[in-house]
Amino acid sequence: MTYLFAVTLLWAFSFSLIGVYLAGQVDAWFSVLMRIGLATCVFLPFLHWRKTPKALALKLMAIGAVQLGVMYSFYYHSFLYLSVPEVLLFTVMTPLYITLLNDILEKRFNAKFLLAAMLAIVGAVAIRYEGIDENYLFGMLLVQAANICFATGQVTYKRLMQHEHIAHSRVFAWFFIGALIVALVCYGLFGDTSKLPTTTTQWGVLIYLGTIASGLGYFAWNKGATIVNVGALAVMNNLLIPAGIIVNIIIWNRDADILRLSIGAAVILLALIVNQAIVKK
C-alpha cells in the first residue's frame, strides 16, 4: 500500500500542471510523446534486453500501449474540454472498471470488492458534483475512455507480474516502449509542430511529468498494484481525486467546496477501511 500512497501524492500535482501550463498551449500529442519518451529513457539503462522472455516483453509492451499510450491520448485531450477539478471528478469510474474487469477475467462476481469500489465512487462524487451539460459531455467521454485504458493496464499488469520471479525494474522499460510506439504514431499522424513548448516552465513541466510522474510514478504504481488486492487498488485510484483538488486549491487557488471535499475524502477513506476489513475476513 505504501507504493500507492506515495504515487498518489506524486500524481496529485500532475493534473494541475497539465491543466495550467500545457492544455491549450502545447500540442497534446507532443506532450504525450515527450512524457512517454522521457519515461522510457529512465528505465532503458536497467533493461535486460536478451534475458527477458519474448512473450513477457510483448505482453508488457501491449499493456504499456493501452495503459499509457492510448490512455494519455484521451486524457490529455480531455483538458481541452474540462477544468482540472472536472477531469478529477470524472475519474471516479476507474475503481468500478477495475473491479468489473477483474471479475470478468476471474469468471466470477465479487460483490464485496464491488462494494468497496462503489463506496469510493460515492465519496468522489460527493466532493464536487455539478450538472453535466453538453459542454462537458465530450470531455467526460474522453476521461471515461482514459479510465478504461488505465484500469485495463493495472489489472492486466497485476495478473501478469504478481507471479513473475523477475525484478520489475529489469523489464519495465518494455512497458514504456509499447506506449512510446503508440505516442510516435499518434504524433506523426496528428501532431501540430506549431504548438511546441515556448517557455522554460513548459519544458520543465514536461521533464518533471516524464521522468518523475511517469517514469518513477508508473513503475511504483504498477509494482504496488501487484502487492495489494483488487479492492484496495480500486479504492486507491480515487484517493487521487481529493489529493489533486487539494493541490489545485492550495497552489493555484481554484474554487472548490471545502465541505464537500472533506466529506468525499472521508467516504473514500471509509471505503479503504471497509475493503481491508473484507480482506481480513
Protein backbone atom coordinates (compact mmCIF):
# COMPACT_ATOMS: atom_id res chain seq x y z
CA MET A 1 0.00 0.00 0.00
CA THR A 2 2.96 2.31 0.64
CA TYR A 3 3.80 2.44 -3.08
CA LEU A 4 0.26 3.51 -3.97
CA PHE A 5 0.07 6.21 -1.28
CA ALA A 6 3.43 7.64 -2.35
CA VAL A 7 2.44 7.80 -6.01
CA THR A 8 -0.92 9.35 -5.10
CA LEU A 9 0.94 12.28 -3.53
CA LEU A 10 3.23 12.46 -6.56
CA TRP A 11 0.42 12.39 -9.12
CA ALA A 12 -1.69 14.92 -7.19
CA PHE A 13 0.36 17.66 -8.87
CA SER A 14 0.13 16.25 -12.40
CA PHE A 15 -3.49 17.23 -13.06
CA SER A 16 -2.92 20.90 -12.26
CA LEU A 17 0.43 21.07 -14.05
CA ILE A 18 -1.21 19.79 -17.24
CA GLY A 19 -4.33 21.94 -16.87
CA VAL A 20 -2.49 25.17 -16.01
CA TYR A 21 0.70 25.04 -18.11
CA LEU A 22 0.10 22.67 -21.03
CA ALA A 23 -3.58 22.32 -22.00
CA GLY A 24 -4.42 24.54 -24.97
CA GLN A 25 -0.85 25.90 -25.09
CA VAL A 26 1.29 22.90 -26.05
CA ASP A 27 0.20 20.31 -28.61
CA ALA A 28 -1.34 17.44 -26.64
CA TRP A 29 0.22 14.80 -28.91
CA PHE A 30 3.68 16.32 -28.35
CA SER A 31 3.10 16.40 -24.58
CA VAL A 32 2.20 12.71 -24.64
CA LEU A 33 5.25 11.86 -26.77
CA MET A 34 7.64 13.82 -24.55
CA ARG A 35 6.25 12.38 -21.34
CA ILE A 36 6.43 8.78 -22.52
CA GLY A 37 9.76 9.27 -24.29
CA LEU A 38 11.44 10.62 -21.15
CA ALA A 39 9.92 7.86 -19.01
CA THR A 40 11.33 5.29 -21.43
CA CYS A 41 14.79 6.83 -21.12
CA VAL A 42 14.64 6.48 -17.33
CA PHE A 43 14.29 2.69 -17.48
CA LEU A 44 16.25 1.79 -20.63
CA PRO A 45 19.57 1.55 -18.69
CA PHE A 46 18.06 -1.13 -16.44
CA LEU A 47 16.53 -3.23 -19.20
CA HIS A 48 17.75 -6.79 -19.73
CA TRP A 49 17.23 -6.99 -23.48
CA ARG A 50 18.31 -10.57 -24.03
CA LYS A 51 17.28 -12.07 -20.71
CA THR A 52 13.62 -11.06 -20.95
CA PRO A 53 11.40 -13.83 -22.38
CA LYS A 54 9.91 -12.64 -25.68
CA ALA A 55 6.38 -13.46 -24.59
CA LEU A 56 6.78 -11.38 -21.42
CA ALA A 57 8.27 -8.45 -23.35
CA LEU A 58 5.40 -8.44 -25.85
CA LYS A 59 2.79 -8.62 -23.11
CA LEU A 60 4.40 -5.73 -21.23
CA MET A 61 4.52 -3.69 -24.45
CA ALA A 62 0.83 -4.37 -25.07
CA ILE A 63 -0.07 -3.34 -21.53
CA GLY A 64 2.00 -0.17 -21.79
CA ALA A 65 0.45 0.68 -25.16
CA VAL A 66 -3.03 0.58 -23.60
CA GLN A 67 -2.44 1.82 -20.05
CA LEU A 68 -0.16 4.68 -21.07
CA GLY A 69 -0.09 5.25 -24.83
CA VAL A 70 -3.81 5.12 -25.61
CA MET A 71 -4.84 6.37 -22.16
CA TYR A 72 -2.73 9.54 -22.42
CA SER A 73 -4.17 10.23 -25.87
CA PHE A 74 -7.65 10.50 -24.34
CA TYR A 75 -6.54 12.00 -21.02
CA TYR A 76 -4.52 14.95 -22.34
CA HIS A 77 -7.24 16.00 -24.78
CA SER A 78 -9.86 15.97 -22.02
CA PHE A 79 -8.22 19.06 -20.52
CA LEU A 80 -9.25 20.99 -23.65
CA TYR A 81 -12.90 20.48 -22.65
CA LEU A 82 -12.85 20.24 -18.86
CA SER A 83 -11.35 22.09 -15.91
CA VAL A 84 -8.86 20.33 -13.64
CA PRO A 85 -11.46 19.55 -10.93
CA GLU A 86 -13.84 18.21 -13.58
CA VAL A 87 -11.20 15.87 -15.01
CA LEU A 88 -10.52 14.69 -11.48
CA LEU A 89 -14.22 14.18 -10.78
CA PHE A 90 -14.83 12.15 -13.92
CA THR A 91 -12.11 9.67 -12.97
CA VAL A 92 -14.47 8.29 -10.29
CA MET A 93 -15.44 5.36 -12.50
CA THR A 94 -11.94 3.86 -12.62
CA PRO A 95 -12.43 1.70 -9.49
CA LEU A 96 -15.60 0.23 -10.93
CA TYR A 97 -13.84 -0.61 -14.20
CA ILE A 98 -11.01 -2.27 -12.26
CA THR A 99 -13.38 -4.39 -10.19
CA LEU A 100 -15.59 -5.40 -13.11
CA LEU A 101 -12.66 -6.23 -15.39
CA ASN A 102 -11.04 -8.37 -12.72
CA ASP A 103 -14.32 -10.21 -12.12
CA ILE A 104 -14.69 -10.84 -15.85
CA LEU A 105 -11.18 -12.28 -16.06
CA GLU A 106 -11.80 -14.40 -12.96
CA LYS A 107 -15.16 -15.51 -14.40
CA ARG A 108 -16.93 -14.59 -11.20
CA PHE A 109 -18.72 -11.72 -9.48
CA ASN A 110 -17.08 -10.49 -6.28
CA ALA A 111 -19.75 -8.30 -4.67
CA LYS A 112 -17.54 -7.47 -1.69
CA PHE A 113 -14.83 -5.79 -3.74
CA LEU A 114 -17.52 -4.08 -5.83
CA LEU A 115 -18.98 -2.64 -2.61
CA ALA A 116 -15.65 -1.03 -1.75
CA ALA A 117 -15.34 0.37 -5.26
CA MET A 118 -18.88 1.80 -5.19
CA LEU A 119 -18.21 3.43 -1.81
CA ALA A 120 -15.14 5.09 -3.30
CA ILE A 121 -17.22 6.39 -6.20
CA VAL A 122 -19.84 7.83 -3.82
CA GLY A 123 -17.09 9.62 -1.93
CA ALA A 124 -15.55 11.05 -5.07
CA VAL A 125 -18.90 12.28 -6.41
CA ALA A 126 -19.62 13.93 -3.05
CA ILE A 127 -16.52 16.05 -3.46
CA ARG A 128 -17.72 18.16 -6.35
CA TYR A 129 -20.96 17.39 -8.15
CA GLU A 130 -22.29 19.69 -10.85
CA GLY A 131 -24.88 19.04 -13.52
CA ILE A 132 -23.30 17.78 -16.72
CA ASP A 133 -24.32 19.84 -19.75
CA GLU A 134 -23.43 19.35 -23.39
CA ASN A 135 -20.20 21.33 -22.97
CA TYR A 136 -18.89 18.63 -20.64
CA LEU A 137 -20.18 15.57 -22.48
CA PHE A 138 -17.31 15.04 -24.91
CA GLY A 139 -14.72 15.72 -22.24
CA MET A 140 -16.44 13.26 -19.93
CA LEU A 141 -16.38 10.58 -22.63
CA LEU A 142 -12.67 11.20 -23.18
CA VAL A 143 -12.00 10.74 -19.46
CA GLN A 144 -14.06 7.54 -19.36
CA ALA A 145 -12.09 6.13 -22.28
CA ALA A 146 -8.89 7.02 -20.42
CA ASN A 147 -10.27 5.40 -17.25
CA ILE A 148 -10.99 2.14 -19.07
CA CYS A 149 -7.47 2.07 -20.53
CA PHE A 150 -5.91 2.84 -17.15
CA ALA A 151 -7.99 0.18 -15.40
CA THR A 152 -7.20 -2.40 -18.08
CA GLY A 153 -3.48 -1.78 -17.73
CA GLN A 154 -3.49 -2.04 -13.95
CA VAL A 155 -5.46 -5.28 -13.83
CA THR A 156 -3.52 -7.00 -16.61
CA TYR A 157 -0.12 -5.89 -15.24
CA LYS A 158 -1.09 -7.16 -11.79
CA ARG A 159 -2.13 -10.53 -13.19
CA LEU A 160 0.98 -10.80 -15.36
CA MET A 161 3.67 -9.77 -12.89
CA GLN A 162 2.49 -10.86 -9.45
CA HIS A 163 3.75 -14.40 -10.11
CA GLU A 164 6.82 -13.50 -12.19
CA HIS A 165 10.11 -14.09 -10.37
CA ILE A 166 11.93 -11.21 -12.02
CA ALA A 167 12.83 -7.70 -10.86
CA HIS A 168 10.26 -5.25 -12.19
CA SER A 169 12.95 -2.66 -12.88
CA ARG A 170 14.71 -5.06 -15.26
CA VAL A 171 11.73 -5.38 -17.58
CA PHE A 172 9.65 -2.23 -17.03
CA ALA A 173 11.19 -0.43 -19.99
CA TRP A 174 9.21 -2.80 -22.24
CA PHE A 175 6.05 -1.26 -20.76
CA PHE A 176 7.18 2.20 -21.82
CA ILE A 177 8.43 1.02 -25.22
CA GLY A 178 4.92 -0.21 -26.02
CA ALA A 179 3.48 3.15 -25.00
CA LEU A 180 6.17 5.01 -26.96
CA ILE A 181 5.23 3.24 -30.19
CA VAL A 182 1.65 4.47 -29.80
CA ALA A 183 2.82 8.00 -28.98
CA LEU A 184 5.15 8.16 -32.00
CA VAL A 185 2.43 7.00 -34.39
CA CYS A 186 -0.13 9.45 -32.97
CA TYR A 187 2.23 12.41 -33.08
CA GLY A 188 3.28 11.52 -36.61
CA LEU A 189 -0.36 11.45 -37.74
CA PHE A 190 -1.95 14.21 -35.67
CA GLY A 191 0.84 16.33 -34.12
CA ASP A 192 0.93 20.12 -34.57
CA THR A 193 4.52 21.36 -34.85
CA SER A 194 3.35 24.97 -34.48
CA LYS A 195 2.35 24.37 -30.85
CA LEU A 196 5.60 23.20 -29.30
CA PRO A 197 6.66 24.45 -25.83
CA THR A 198 7.82 28.07 -25.86
CA THR A 199 8.78 28.70 -22.24
CA THR A 200 11.21 27.14 -19.80
CA THR A 201 8.27 26.49 -17.46
CA GLN A 202 6.51 24.36 -20.08
CA TRP A 203 9.69 22.40 -20.79
CA GLY A 204 10.27 22.00 -17.05
CA VAL A 205 6.75 20.67 -16.52
CA LEU A 206 7.18 18.16 -19.36
CA ILE A 207 10.53 16.98 -17.98
CA TYR A 208 9.05 16.54 -14.50
CA LEU A 209 5.99 14.71 -15.82
CA GLY A 210 8.12 12.45 -17.99
CA THR A 211 10.93 11.50 -15.63
CA ILE A 212 9.27 11.67 -12.21
CA ALA A 213 5.48 11.41 -12.56
CA SER A 214 5.54 8.88 -15.40
CA GLY A 215 8.96 7.26 -15.11
CA LEU A 216 9.11 6.63 -11.39
CA GLY A 217 5.37 7.03 -10.79
CA TYR A 218 4.10 4.30 -13.10
CA PHE A 219 6.81 1.91 -12.01
CA ALA A 220 5.90 2.34 -8.33
CA TRP A 221 2.15 2.30 -9.02
CA ASN A 222 2.18 -0.87 -11.09
CA LYS A 223 4.53 -2.57 -8.64
CA GLY A 224 2.19 -1.58 -5.82
CA ALA A 225 -0.72 -3.00 -7.81
CA THR A 226 0.89 -6.44 -7.72
CA ILE A 227 1.08 -6.35 -3.92
CA VAL A 228 -2.44 -5.26 -2.91
CA ASN A 229 -5.80 -6.90 -3.63
CA VAL A 230 -8.09 -5.62 -6.37
CA GLY A 231 -10.46 -3.87 -3.95
CA ALA A 232 -7.67 -1.82 -2.40
CA LEU A 233 -6.31 -0.99 -5.85
CA ALA A 234 -9.74 0.26 -6.92
CA VAL A 235 -10.11 2.49 -3.85
CA MET A 236 -6.59 3.92 -4.13
CA ASN A 237 -7.40 5.14 -7.63
CA ASN A 238 -9.97 7.53 -6.19
CA LEU A 239 -7.69 8.93 -3.48
CA LEU A 240 -6.15 10.84 -6.38
CA ILE A 241 -9.30 12.96 -6.59
CA PRO A 242 -9.21 14.73 -3.19
CA ALA A 243 -5.41 14.86 -3.33
CA GLY A 244 -5.48 16.50 -6.77
CA ILE A 245 -8.16 19.02 -5.79
CA ILE A 246 -6.34 19.94 -2.55
CA VAL A 247 -3.17 20.68 -4.52
CA ASN A 248 -5.21 22.68 -7.04
CA ILE A 249 -6.78 24.78 -4.27
CA ILE A 250 -3.63 25.44 -2.26
CA ILE A 251 -1.24 26.27 -5.10
CA TRP A 252 -3.40 27.57 -7.93
CA ASN A 253 -6.27 28.99 -5.87
CA ARG A 254 -9.06 27.33 -7.80
CA ASP A 255 -12.56 27.45 -6.33
CA ALA A 256 -13.79 24.29 -4.66
CA ASP A 257 -16.30 23.33 -1.99
CA ILE A 258 -14.15 22.56 1.05
CA LEU A 259 -17.00 20.91 2.94
CA ARG A 260 -17.80 18.53 0.08
CA LEU A 261 -14.11 17.82 -0.39
CA SER A 262 -13.78 16.85 3.26
CA ILE A 263 -16.91 14.67 3.23
CA GLY A 264 -15.90 12.95 0.00
CA ALA A 265 -12.37 12.28 1.20
CA ALA A 266 -13.76 10.79 4.43
CA VAL A 267 -16.06 8.45 2.48
CA ILE A 268 -13.17 7.33 0.26
CA LEU A 269 -11.05 6.56 3.32
CA LEU A 270 -14.01 4.64 4.74
CA ALA A 271 -14.10 2.60 1.53
CA LEU A 272 -10.44 1.71 2.03
CA ILE A 273 -11.14 0.63 5.61
CA VAL A 274 -14.13 -1.45 4.50
CA ASN A 275 -12.00 -3.15 1.85
CA GLN A 276 -9.28 -4.02 4.34
CA ALA A 277 -11.90 -5.43 6.73
CA ILE A 278 -13.32 -7.59 3.92
CA VAL A 279 -9.86 -8.97 3.14
CA LYS A 280 -9.16 -9.86 6.78
CA LYS A 281 -12.36 -11.89 6.90
